[in-house]
């Protein structure tokens, strides 16, 4: 066996060992319910020592979280919780990262293909319905649950209305990035009056005054302190944790198209569970929220 073959064979074992070690470090850090700079520095050293694994899931997510914490964009205590959540997801025979993430990426690709020509045919709706029914192991994962719910509502009466197709276009257009900008602009025009109340609301109607906001993910538009100050200045209430009093979860992605099911999944997952339990929390994409703030200026 040559060196390259040996590296392939041992990569899985090295990754598992690295994550087990990281989980142990995190348990130790969490044990006193506080995080200091020395402990953050230790996480940084762990990241540096495992740079060669960055192309294996979930190391890219681990590195992003650690690096953003070091640059003061994410509170250190939240970082520990996010990393620990990722470790737990990875532990189950890599099911989350090897099967679930792969299938969610396939789903995103299917939706991309459906929107590629700007037209959704009835046959495409039924093909998507079939795929969703064949992949029920994705239950509880965004965007599977909400796409399946939407598709079932469309086909439930045995006929597909034009208005239903517009709603589907508007929903899929939230997380599909088309290369053909002409088609993208066409979809935006066609769906501009469609109100989506799904995962991350498109063109959301946000009431800031007296409402409670929580932020998750890495912001591309700035840092959390700045955004939280803007919320306070407009009469909103920024918080560090999700509670039943939280009205909005603002989701940052820093240009990462896989944000919805990668490194910022802990709070998103909790928010979706709260929604299913009857809580009316809305999940708002960072850039949509920035647009709303600009309208107040």
Protein backbone atom coordinates (compact mmCIF):
# COMPACT_ATOMS: atom_id res chain seq x y z
CA UNK A 1 0.00 0.00 0.00
CA UNK A 2 1.49 3.34 -1.05
CA UNK A 3 1.40 6.57 0.97
CA UNK A 4 -1.67 8.01 -0.77
CA UNK A 5 -3.66 4.79 -0.30
CA UNK A 6 -2.65 4.69 3.36
CA UNK A 7 -3.83 8.27 3.85
CA UNK A 8 -7.24 7.41 2.38
CA UNK A 9 -7.61 4.36 4.62
CA UNK A 10 -6.53 6.18 7.79
CA UNK A 11 -8.36 9.49 7.16
CA UNK A 12 -11.62 8.19 8.64
CA UNK A 13 -9.88 6.89 11.74
CA UNK A 14 -7.93 10.14 12.17
CA UNK A 15 -11.11 12.17 11.76
CA UNK A 16 -12.99 10.08 14.32
CA UNK A 17 -10.11 10.34 16.79
CA UNK A 18 -9.83 14.10 16.28
CA UNK A 19 -13.54 14.65 16.90
CA UNK A 20 -13.56 12.38 19.95
CA UNK A 21 -10.68 14.43 21.32
CA UNK A 22 -12.50 17.66 20.54
CA UNK A 23 -15.63 16.42 22.28
CA UNK A 24 -13.57 15.63 25.36
CA UNK A 25 -12.03 19.11 25.30
CA UNK A 26 -15.48 20.66 25.01
CA UNK A 27 -16.88 18.60 27.89
CA UNK A 28 -13.96 19.80 30.00
CA UNK A 29 -14.49 23.42 29.00
CA UNK A 30 -18.25 23.20 29.63
CA UNK A 31 -17.81 21.67 33.09
CA UNK A 32 -17.50 25.01 34.90
CA UNK A 33 -20.20 26.77 32.83
CA UNK A 34 -17.82 29.45 31.58
CA UNK A 35 -15.27 29.90 28.80
CA UNK A 36 -12.06 31.88 29.13
CA UNK A 37 -9.46 33.02 26.62
CA UNK A 38 -7.03 30.22 27.46
CA UNK A 39 -9.72 27.67 26.57
CA UNK A 40 -10.48 29.47 23.31
CA UNK A 41 -6.75 29.41 22.51
CA UNK A 42 -6.79 25.66 23.05
CA UNK A 43 -9.59 25.29 20.52
CA UNK A 44 -7.53 27.36 18.09
CA UNK A 45 -4.58 25.00 18.56
CA UNK A 46 -6.85 22.01 17.93
CA UNK A 47 -7.95 23.62 14.66
CA UNK A 48 -4.36 24.30 13.59
CA UNK A 49 -3.30 20.73 14.39
CA UNK A 50 -6.09 19.29 12.22
CA UNK A 51 -5.86 21.56 9.19
CA UNK A 52 -5.09 18.57 6.97
CA UNK A 53 -8.63 17.26 7.61
CA UNK A 54 -10.43 20.45 6.61
CA UNK A 55 -11.90 18.91 3.43
CA UNK A 56 -13.63 16.16 5.39
CA UNK A 57 -17.04 16.83 6.91
CA UNK A 58 -17.55 18.34 9.41
CA UNK A 59 -14.10 19.92 9.78
CA UNK A 60 -14.82 22.93 7.57
CA UNK A 61 -17.73 23.77 9.87
CA UNK A 62 -15.57 23.27 12.97
CA UNK A 63 -12.86 25.55 11.62
CA UNK A 64 -15.31 28.28 10.62
CA UNK A 65 -16.91 28.38 14.06
CA UNK A 66 -13.56 28.46 15.86
CA UNK A 67 -12.07 31.13 13.59
CA UNK A 68 -15.10 33.39 13.86
CA UNK A 69 -15.05 33.08 17.63
CA UNK A 70 -11.42 34.14 17.72
CA UNK A 71 -12.28 37.22 15.64
CA UNK A 72 -15.00 38.06 18.22
CA UNK A 73 -17.93 37.54 15.88
CA UNK A 74 -19.44 34.71 17.92
CA UNK A 75 -19.53 34.53 21.74
CA UNK A 76 -17.15 31.87 23.08
CA UNK A 77 -19.82 30.14 25.17
CA UNK A 78 -22.03 29.75 22.10
CA UNK A 79 -19.08 28.38 20.16
CA UNK A 80 -18.62 25.58 22.66
CA UNK A 81 -22.31 24.68 22.43
CA UNK A 82 -22.21 24.75 18.59
CA UNK A 83 -19.10 22.58 18.43
CA UNK A 84 -20.48 20.10 20.93
CA UNK A 85 -23.72 19.88 18.90
CA UNK A 86 -21.69 19.14 15.77
CA UNK A 87 -19.70 16.43 17.56
CA UNK A 88 -22.91 14.71 18.62
CA UNK A 89 -24.28 14.86 15.07
CA UNK A 90 -21.07 13.35 13.72
CA UNK A 91 -20.87 10.52 16.25
CA UNK A 92 -23.76 8.41 14.96
CA UNK A 93 -21.66 6.50 12.40
CA UNK A 94 -21.32 9.75 10.43
CA UNK A 95 -25.00 9.35 9.49
CA UNK A 96 -25.65 13.07 9.75
CA UNK A 97 -22.69 14.11 7.66
CA UNK A 98 -22.40 11.26 5.19
CA UNK A 99 -26.03 10.42 4.47
CA UNK A 100 -28.22 13.29 5.65
CA UNK A 101 -26.01 16.12 4.43
CA UNK A 102 -25.44 14.38 1.11
CA UNK A 103 -29.16 13.81 0.59
CA UNK A 104 -30.03 17.37 1.59
CA UNK A 105 -27.53 18.60 -0.99
CA UNK A 106 -29.21 16.32 -3.55
CA UNK A 107 -32.57 17.83 -2.60
CA UNK A 108 -31.19 21.32 -3.06
CA UNK A 109 -29.85 20.23 -6.45
CA UNK A 110 -33.23 18.82 -7.47
CA UNK A 111 -34.92 22.10 -6.57
CA UNK A 112 -32.21 23.98 -8.47
CA UNK A 113 -32.89 21.84 -11.54
CA UNK A 114 -36.64 22.38 -11.28
CA UNK A 115 -36.19 26.15 -11.21
CA UNK A 116 -33.43 26.24 -13.84
CA UNK A 117 -35.74 27.12 -16.75
CA UNK A 118 -38.03 29.34 -14.69
CA UNK A 119 -41.01 27.02 -15.22
CA UNK A 120 -42.42 24.35 -12.89
CA UNK A 121 -44.36 21.61 -14.68
CA UNK A 122 -46.92 19.37 -12.98
CA UNK A 123 -44.70 16.38 -13.72
CA UNK A 124 -41.82 18.02 -11.85
CA UNK A 125 -44.04 18.50 -8.81
CA UNK A 126 -44.99 14.80 -8.83
CA UNK A 127 -41.37 13.72 -9.36
CA UNK A 128 -40.33 15.84 -6.37
CA UNK A 129 -43.17 14.34 -4.33
CA UNK A 130 -41.93 10.83 -5.18
CA UNK A 131 -38.35 11.66 -4.18
CA UNK A 132 -39.52 13.15 -0.89
CA UNK A 133 -41.56 10.03 -0.11
CA UNK A 134 -38.54 7.85 -0.84
CA UNK A 135 -36.33 9.82 1.55
CA UNK A 136 -38.35 10.07 4.74
CA UNK A 137 -35.16 9.55 6.76
CA UNK A 138 -34.75 13.31 6.26
CA UNK A 139 -37.71 14.02 8.54
CA UNK A 140 -36.93 16.87 11.00
CA UNK A 141 -34.25 18.34 8.73
CA UNK A 142 -34.58 21.66 6.92
CA UNK A 143 -35.54 22.12 4.13
CA UNK A 144 -37.02 18.63 3.70
CA UNK A 145 -39.88 18.99 6.18
CA UNK A 146 -41.19 22.27 4.85
CA UNK A 147 -40.80 21.35 1.16
CA UNK A 148 -42.64 18.08 1.78
CA UNK A 149 -45.41 19.88 3.65
CA UNK A 150 -45.78 22.37 0.81
CA UNK A 151 -45.78 19.68 -1.89
CA UNK A 152 -48.39 17.60 -0.03
CA UNK A 153 -50.65 20.63 0.29
CA UNK A 154 -50.31 21.27 -3.47
CA UNK A 155 -51.17 17.72 -4.58
CA UNK A 156 -53.73 16.90 -1.85
CA UNK A 157 -56.80 17.87 -3.93
CA UNK A 158 -55.64 16.07 -7.07
CA UNK A 159 -55.04 19.22 -9.10
CA UNK A 160 -52.23 21.74 -9.26
CA UNK A 161 -53.23 25.39 -9.49
CA UNK A 162 -51.12 28.15 -11.02
CA UNK A 163 -51.17 30.04 -7.71
CA UNK A 164 -49.79 26.95 -5.94
CA UNK A 165 -46.93 26.77 -8.44
CA UNK A 166 -46.12 30.43 -7.77
CA UNK A 167 -45.95 29.72 -4.04
CA UNK A 168 -43.64 26.76 -4.74
CA UNK A 169 -41.45 28.96 -6.95
CA UNK A 170 -41.25 31.60 -4.24
CA UNK A 171 -40.30 29.05 -1.60
CA UNK A 172 -37.65 27.22 -3.63
CA UNK A 173 -36.22 30.53 -4.81
CA UNK A 174 -35.24 31.32 -1.21
CA UNK A 175 -32.34 28.88 -1.13
CA UNK A 176 -31.55 28.10 -4.79
CA UNK A 177 -28.85 30.28 -6.35
CA UNK A 178 -29.36 30.26 -10.13
CA UNK A 179 -26.42 31.00 -12.42
CA UNK A 180 -28.81 32.35 -15.07
CA UNK A 181 -29.52 35.83 -13.72
CA UNK A 182 -32.19 36.46 -16.34
CA UNK A 183 -34.22 33.51 -15.03
CA UNK A 184 -33.50 34.59 -11.46
CA UNK A 185 -34.87 38.08 -12.15
CA UNK A 186 -37.90 36.55 -13.87
CA UNK A 187 -38.65 34.41 -10.80
CA UNK A 188 -38.22 37.41 -8.51
CA UNK A 189 -40.72 39.40 -10.57
CA UNK A 190 -43.25 36.55 -10.71
CA UNK A 191 -43.12 35.88 -6.97
CA UNK A 192 -42.65 39.37 -5.54
CA UNK A 193 -46.22 39.44 -4.19
CA UNK A 194 -46.11 35.93 -2.73
CA UNK A 195 -45.84 35.81 1.06
CA UNK A 196 -43.91 32.80 2.32
CA UNK A 197 -44.26 31.83 5.97
CA UNK A 198 -41.81 28.95 5.77
CA UNK A 199 -38.32 28.58 7.20
CA UNK A 200 -36.57 31.81 6.30
CA UNK A 201 -39.32 34.17 5.26
CA UNK A 202 -38.82 35.92 1.93
CA UNK A 203 -39.38 39.70 2.05
CA UNK A 204 -40.51 39.40 5.68
CA UNK A 205 -42.89 41.80 7.38
CA UNK A 206 -40.97 42.54 10.59
CA UNK A 207 -42.14 44.55 13.58
CA UNK A 208 -39.03 45.56 15.56
CA UNK A 209 -40.36 47.75 18.38
CA UNK A 210 -40.80 45.68 21.55
CA UNK A 211 -39.96 42.41 19.78
CA UNK A 212 -37.23 39.99 20.84
CA UNK A 213 -34.43 38.98 18.45
CA UNK A 214 -31.75 36.29 18.58
CA UNK A 215 -28.86 35.98 16.09
CA UNK A 216 -27.16 32.80 14.89
CA UNK A 217 -24.42 32.09 12.38
CA UNK A 218 -21.64 34.25 11.01
CA UNK A 219 -22.81 37.61 9.70
CA UNK A 220 -21.47 38.83 6.39
CA UNK A 221 -22.77 42.37 6.92
CA UNK A 222 -20.81 43.00 10.12
CA UNK A 223 -20.60 41.65 13.65
CA UNK A 224 -23.27 40.74 16.16
CA UNK A 225 -22.60 43.63 18.53
CA UNK A 226 -23.26 46.13 15.74
CA UNK A 227 -26.45 44.38 14.62
CA UNK A 228 -27.72 44.05 18.19
CA UNK A 229 -27.12 47.78 18.75
CA UNK A 230 -29.17 48.59 15.65
CA UNK A 231 -31.97 46.40 16.97
CA UNK A 232 -31.86 48.18 20.34
CA UNK A 233 -31.81 51.61 18.69
CA UNK A 234 -35.01 50.71 16.84
CA UNK A 235 -36.74 49.56 20.03
CA UNK A 236 -36.09 45.84 19.67
CA UNK A 237 -34.73 43.51 22.34
CA UNK A 238 -31.60 41.51 21.33
CA UNK A 239 -30.95 38.29 23.29
CA UNK A 240 -28.18 35.71 23.30
CA UNK A 241 -30.38 32.62 23.61
CA UNK A 242 -33.60 31.28 22.11
CA UNK A 243 -36.59 31.21 24.48
CA UNK A 244 -40.36 31.05 24.13
CA UNK A 245 -40.30 34.85 24.20
CA UNK A 246 -38.11 35.07 21.08
CA UNK A 247 -40.02 36.54 18.14
CA UNK A 248 -37.30 36.37 15.45
CA UNK A 249 -34.16 34.31 14.79
CA UNK A 250 -31.82 36.14 12.41
CA UNK A 251 -29.69 33.65 10.47
CA UNK A 252 -26.30 34.72 9.12
CA UNK A 253 -24.59 32.66 6.44
CA UNK A 254 -21.47 34.62 5.41
CA UNK A 255 -21.99 33.56 1.80
CA UNK A 256 -22.25 29.85 2.66
CA UNK A 257 -25.00 28.30 0.52
CA UNK A 258 -25.18 25.31 2.85
CA UNK A 259 -25.84 27.39 5.98
CA UNK A 260 -29.24 25.87 6.58
CA UNK A 261 -27.92 22.44 7.46
CA UNK A 262 -24.30 22.97 8.37
CA UNK A 263 -22.52 24.87 11.10
CA UNK A 264 -25.42 26.96 12.32
CA UNK A 265 -27.85 24.11 12.75
CA UNK A 266 -28.19 24.09 16.55
CA UNK A 267 -30.32 27.21 16.95
CA UNK A 268 -32.10 26.66 13.63
CA UNK A 269 -32.99 23.14 14.74
CA UNK A 270 -34.28 24.41 18.09
CA UNK A 271 -36.30 27.17 16.40
CA UNK A 272 -37.95 24.65 14.06
CA UNK A 273 -38.82 22.43 17.02
CA UNK A 274 -40.35 25.46 18.74
CA UNK A 275 -42.39 26.24 15.62
CA UNK A 276 -43.68 22.69 15.44
CA UNK A 277 -44.68 23.05 19.09
CA UNK A 278 -46.86 26.03 18.24
CA UNK A 279 -44.43 28.89 18.88
CA UNK A 280 -44.65 31.60 16.22
CA UNK A 281 -40.94 32.42 15.96
CA UNK A 282 -39.92 33.62 12.48
CA UNK A 283 -36.54 32.80 10.95
CA UNK A 284 -35.14 35.72 8.98
CA UNK A 285 -32.15 35.70 6.65
CA UNK A 286 -29.50 38.26 7.58
CA UNK A 287 -29.76 40.21 4.33
CA UNK A 288 -33.55 40.43 4.49
CA UNK A 289 -33.27 41.85 7.98
CA UNK A 290 -30.65 44.38 6.90
CA UNK A 291 -33.05 45.52 4.15
CA UNK A 292 -35.74 46.05 6.78
CA UNK A 293 -33.36 48.07 8.96
CA UNK A 294 -32.45 50.25 5.98
CA UNK A 295 -36.13 51.06 5.47
CA UNK A 296 -36.24 52.51 8.99
CA UNK A 297 -33.39 54.92 8.28
